[in-house]
Amino acid sequence: MKKFLLVALVALVAAGCAMGPGYNPGLGGWAFRTSRGVFLQITHTCTDYGRLYQSGYGLVKEVVGATPQGVQLDPVGYDHQVEVTFQSLNKEGQVVGTYPATFWVSQYTGTAQWIISNRSMGGGGVQSHCLR
């Protein structure tokens, strides 16, 4: 059993996984991260509907309303970044805006914030303005 645990731990470290507890209010408290990705909190106020796509994976989240949404994004293979595209949709489901962004994978932080809005909002993170 000890040998199995040692092999599993070495495999996780070799795969580049960032392990360790961390406080993340978006997840509701303490979380034990075992992935080397980014937990993205996205806020979109341009339209009522949108879709988040990740390069290499396709559609990862559908967003309804302006409430901040959270999604775990893991890089493709051994990439050190996560490339995403957000599409704003009108009520008929037609694309009215497309917004690309890149988030870097870091061993020091596992969270990112992206705000797509016409209003300036504080708090850091990536900000994109609505296309109108």
C-alpha atoms as a PDB file:
ATOM      1  CA  MET A   1       0.000   0.000   0.000  1.00  0.00           C
ATOM      2  CA  LYS A   2       2.816   2.413   0.849  1.00  0.00           C
ATOM      3  CA  LYS A   3       4.506   1.632  -2.438  1.00  0.00           C
ATOM      4  CA  PHE A   4       1.277   2.343  -4.342  1.00  0.00           C
ATOM      5  CA  LEU A   5       0.826   5.711  -2.609  1.00  0.00           C
ATOM      6  CA  LEU A   6       4.421   6.657  -3.354  1.00  0.00           C
ATOM      7  CA  VAL A   7       4.028   5.722  -7.021  1.00  0.00           C
ATOM      8  CA  ALA A   8       0.756   7.683  -7.240  1.00  0.00           C
ATOM      9  CA  LEU A   9       2.348  10.757  -5.652  1.00  0.00           C
ATOM     10  CA  VAL A  10       5.345  10.609  -7.986  1.00  0.00           C
ATOM     11  CA  ALA A  11       3.011  10.241 -10.977  1.00  0.00           C
ATOM     12  CA  LEU A  12       1.028  13.332  -9.966  1.00  0.00           C
ATOM     13  CA  VAL A  13       4.159  15.409  -9.485  1.00  0.00           C
ATOM     14  CA  ALA A  14       5.629  14.189 -12.773  1.00  0.00           C
ATOM     15  CA  ALA A  15       2.412  15.121 -14.576  1.00  0.00           C
ATOM     16  CA  GLY A  16       2.806  18.693 -13.372  1.00  0.00           C
ATOM     17  CA  CYS A  17      -0.197  18.740 -11.084  1.00  0.00           C
ATOM     18  CA  ALA A  18      -0.360  21.502  -8.519  1.00  0.00           C
ATOM     19  CA  MET A  19      -1.488  19.860  -5.317  1.00  0.00           C
ATOM     20  CA  GLY A  20      -2.343  21.526  -2.088  1.00  0.00           C
ATOM     21  CA  PRO A  21      -5.174  23.042  -0.122  1.00  0.00           C
ATOM     22  CA  GLY A  22      -6.250  26.595  -0.796  1.00  0.00           C
ATOM     23  CA  TYR A  23      -9.148  28.826   0.135  1.00  0.00           C
ATOM     24  CA  ASN A  24     -11.386  29.607  -2.831  1.00  0.00           C
ATOM     25  CA  PRO A  25     -14.631  31.443  -2.071  1.00  0.00           C
ATOM     26  CA  GLY A  26     -15.906  30.628  -5.582  1.00  0.00           C
ATOM     27  CA  LEU A  27     -15.872  26.955  -4.647  1.00  0.00           C
ATOM     28  CA  GLY A  28     -17.498  27.568  -1.280  1.00  0.00           C
ATOM     29  CA  GLY A  29     -14.446  27.348   0.974  1.00  0.00           C
ATOM     30  CA  TRP A  30     -11.364  25.189   1.152  1.00  0.00           C
ATOM     31  CA  ALA A  31     -10.564  23.092  -1.881  1.00  0.00           C
ATOM     32  CA  PHE A  32      -7.837  20.550  -2.573  1.00  0.00           C
ATOM     33  CA  ARG A  33      -6.491  21.217  -6.055  1.00  0.00           C
ATOM     34  CA  THR A  34      -5.226  18.238  -7.995  1.00  0.00           C
ATOM     35  CA  SER A  35      -5.201  19.808 -11.437  1.00  0.00           C
ATOM     36  CA  ARG A  36      -2.742  22.182 -13.000  1.00  0.00           C
ATOM     37  CA  GLY A  37      -5.400  24.296 -14.640  1.00  0.00           C
ATOM     38  CA  VAL A  38      -7.167  27.555 -13.901  1.00  0.00           C
ATOM     39  CA  PHE A  39     -10.474  28.101 -12.113  1.00  0.00           C
ATOM     40  CA  LEU A  40     -12.048  30.916 -14.156  1.00  0.00           C
ATOM     41  CA  GLN A  41     -14.757  33.191 -12.810  1.00  0.00           C
ATOM     42  CA  ILE A  42     -16.484  34.859 -15.759  1.00  0.00           C
ATOM     43  CA  THR A  43     -18.997  37.718 -15.641  1.00  0.00           C
ATOM     44  CA  HIS A  44     -20.800  38.634 -18.882  1.00  0.00           C
ATOM     45  CA  THR A  45     -23.295  41.526 -19.068  1.00  0.00           C
ATOM     46  CA  CYS A  46     -23.410  42.261 -22.836  1.00  0.00           C
ATOM     47  CA  THR A  47     -26.372  39.960 -23.505  1.00  0.00           C
ATOM     48  CA  ASP A  48     -28.372  37.444 -21.491  1.00  0.00           C
ATOM     49  CA  TYR A  49     -26.777  34.425 -23.157  1.00  0.00           C
ATOM     50  CA  GLY A  50     -23.277  33.293 -24.005  1.00  0.00           C
ATOM     51  CA  ARG A  51     -21.022  30.321 -24.626  1.00  0.00           C
ATOM     52  CA  LEU A  52     -17.473  29.708 -23.449  1.00  0.00           C
ATOM     53  CA  TYR A  53     -15.230  27.630 -25.700  1.00  0.00           C
ATOM     54  CA  GLN A  54     -11.757  26.336 -24.877  1.00  0.00           C
ATOM     55  CA  SER A  55      -9.163  25.644 -27.538  1.00  0.00           C
ATOM     56  CA  GLY A  56      -8.685  21.893 -27.823  1.00  0.00           C
ATOM     57  CA  TYR A  57     -11.894  21.009 -25.947  1.00  0.00           C
ATOM     58  CA  GLY A  58     -14.760  22.932 -27.571  1.00  0.00           C
ATOM     59  CA  LEU A  59     -17.808  24.152 -25.640  1.00  0.00           C
ATOM     60  CA  VAL A  60     -17.145  24.102 -21.885  1.00  0.00           C
ATOM     61  CA  LYS A  61     -19.910  26.306 -20.434  1.00  0.00           C
ATOM     62  CA  GLU A  62     -23.168  27.997 -21.363  1.00  0.00           C
ATOM     63  CA  VAL A  63     -23.834  31.217 -19.468  1.00  0.00           C
ATOM     64  CA  VAL A  64     -27.298  32.647 -18.788  1.00  0.00           C
ATOM     65  CA  GLY A  65     -27.655  36.024 -17.091  1.00  0.00           C
ATOM     66  CA  ALA A  66     -25.085  38.354 -15.562  1.00  0.00           C
ATOM     67  CA  THR A  67     -24.353  36.293 -12.451  1.00  0.00           C
ATOM     68  CA  PRO A  68     -20.649  35.383 -12.187  1.00  0.00           C
ATOM     69  CA  GLN A  69     -20.075  31.804 -13.325  1.00  0.00           C
ATOM     70  CA  GLY A  70     -17.167  29.534 -12.426  1.00  0.00           C
ATOM     71  CA  VAL A  71     -15.529  26.855 -14.547  1.00  0.00           C
ATOM     72  CA  GLN A  72     -12.377  24.747 -14.196  1.00  0.00           C
ATOM     73  CA  LEU A  73     -10.179  24.958 -17.300  1.00  0.00           C
ATOM     74  CA  ASP A  74      -7.325  22.524 -17.790  1.00  0.00           C
ATOM     75  CA  PRO A  75      -4.626  23.090 -20.397  1.00  0.00           C
ATOM     76  CA  VAL A  76      -4.311  20.804 -23.384  1.00  0.00           C
ATOM     77  CA  GLY A  77      -1.382  18.426 -22.916  1.00  0.00           C
ATOM     78  CA  TYR A  78       1.618  20.187 -21.425  1.00  0.00           C
ATOM     79  CA  ASP A  79       0.625  23.725 -22.440  1.00  0.00           C
ATOM     80  CA  HIS A  80       1.280  26.508 -19.955  1.00  0.00           C
ATOM     81  CA  GLN A  81      -1.746  28.502 -20.996  1.00  0.00           C
ATOM     82  CA  VAL A  82      -5.463  28.109 -21.548  1.00  0.00           C
ATOM     83  CA  GLU A  83      -6.958  29.813 -24.599  1.00  0.00           C
ATOM     84  CA  VAL A  84     -10.682  30.537 -24.526  1.00  0.00           C
ATOM     85  CA  THR A  85     -13.266  32.305 -26.660  1.00  0.00           C
ATOM     86  CA  PHE A  86     -16.551  33.675 -25.370  1.00  0.00           C
ATOM     87  CA  GLN A  87     -19.486  34.285 -27.719  1.00  0.00           C
ATOM     88  CA  SER A  88     -22.334  36.637 -26.792  1.00  0.00           C
ATOM     89  CA  LEU A  89     -25.663  35.443 -28.162  1.00  0.00           C
ATOM     90  CA  ASN A  90     -28.871  37.389 -28.748  1.00  0.00           C
ATOM     91  CA  LYS A  91     -32.306  35.970 -27.904  1.00  0.00           C
ATOM     92  CA  GLU A  92     -32.469  34.235 -31.295  1.00  0.00           C
ATOM     93  CA  GLY A  93     -29.189  32.431 -30.602  1.00  0.00           C
ATOM     94  CA  GLN A  94     -27.157  34.439 -33.115  1.00  0.00           C
ATOM     95  CA  VAL A  95     -23.583  35.451 -32.263  1.00  0.00           C
ATOM     96  CA  VAL A  96     -23.370  39.221 -31.675  1.00  0.00           C
ATOM     97  CA  GLY A  97     -19.873  39.371 -30.184  1.00  0.00           C
ATOM     98  CA  THR A  98     -16.773  37.192 -29.925  1.00  0.00           C
ATOM     99  CA  TYR A  99     -14.114  37.724 -27.249  1.00  0.00           C
ATOM    100  CA  PRO A 100     -10.823  35.786 -27.053  1.00  0.00           C
ATOM    101  CA  ALA A 101      -8.594  35.582 -23.962  1.00  0.00           C
ATOM    102  CA  THR A 102      -5.564  33.666 -22.728  1.00  0.00           C
ATOM    103  CA  PHE A 103      -4.985  32.619 -19.118  1.00  0.00           C
ATOM    104  CA  TRP A 104      -1.566  31.403 -17.981  1.00  0.00           C
ATOM    105  CA  VAL A 105      -1.207  28.324 -15.821  1.00  0.00           C
ATOM    106  CA  SER A 106       0.869  29.106 -12.751  1.00  0.00           C
ATOM    107  CA  GLN A 107       1.986  27.083  -9.779  1.00  0.00           C
ATOM    108  CA  TYR A 108       1.304  30.097  -7.545  1.00  0.00           C
ATOM    109  CA  THR A 109      -2.329  30.749  -8.372  1.00  0.00           C
ATOM    110  CA  GLY A 110      -5.105  28.640  -9.762  1.00  0.00           C
ATOM    111  CA  THR A 111      -7.777  31.296 -10.235  1.00  0.00           C
ATOM    112  CA  ALA A 112      -8.532  33.966 -12.825  1.00  0.00           C
ATOM    113  CA  GLN A 113     -11.287  36.499 -13.380  1.00  0.00           C
ATOM    114  CA  TRP A 114     -12.708  37.684 -16.721  1.00  0.00           C
ATOM    115  CA  ILE A 115     -15.298  40.446 -16.984  1.00  0.00           C
ATOM    116  CA  ILE A 116     -17.020  41.161 -20.309  1.00  0.00           C
ATOM    117  CA  SER A 117     -19.057  44.334 -19.861  1.00  0.00           C
ATOM    118  CA  ASN A 118     -19.484  47.970 -20.912  1.00  0.00           C
ATOM    119  CA  ARG A 119     -19.057  49.034 -17.313  1.00  0.00           C
ATOM    120  CA  SER A 120     -15.652  49.389 -15.712  1.00  0.00           C
ATOM    121  CA  MET A 121     -15.426  47.009 -12.793  1.00  0.00           C
ATOM    122  CA  GLY A 122     -12.619  46.813 -10.281  1.00  0.00           C
ATOM    123  CA  GLY A 123     -11.108  43.719  -8.802  1.00  0.00           C
ATOM    124  CA  GLY A 124      -8.455  42.973 -11.369  1.00  0.00           C
ATOM    125  CA  GLY A 125      -8.488  40.204 -13.893  1.00  0.00           C
ATOM    126  CA  VAL A 126      -9.049  40.442 -17.630  1.00  0.00           C
ATOM    127  CA  GLN A 127     -11.625  42.974 -18.840  1.00  0.00           C
ATOM    128  CA  SER A 128     -13.234  43.028 -22.289  1.00  0.00           C
ATOM    129  CA  HIS A 129     -15.745  45.584 -23.575  1.00  0.00           C
ATOM    130  CA  CYS A 130     -18.974  44.646 -25.318  1.00  0.00           C
ATOM    131  CA  LEU A 131     -19.010  44.995 -29.096  1.00  0.00           C
ATOM    132  CA  ARG A 132     -21.936  47.257 -30.024  1.00  0.00           C
END
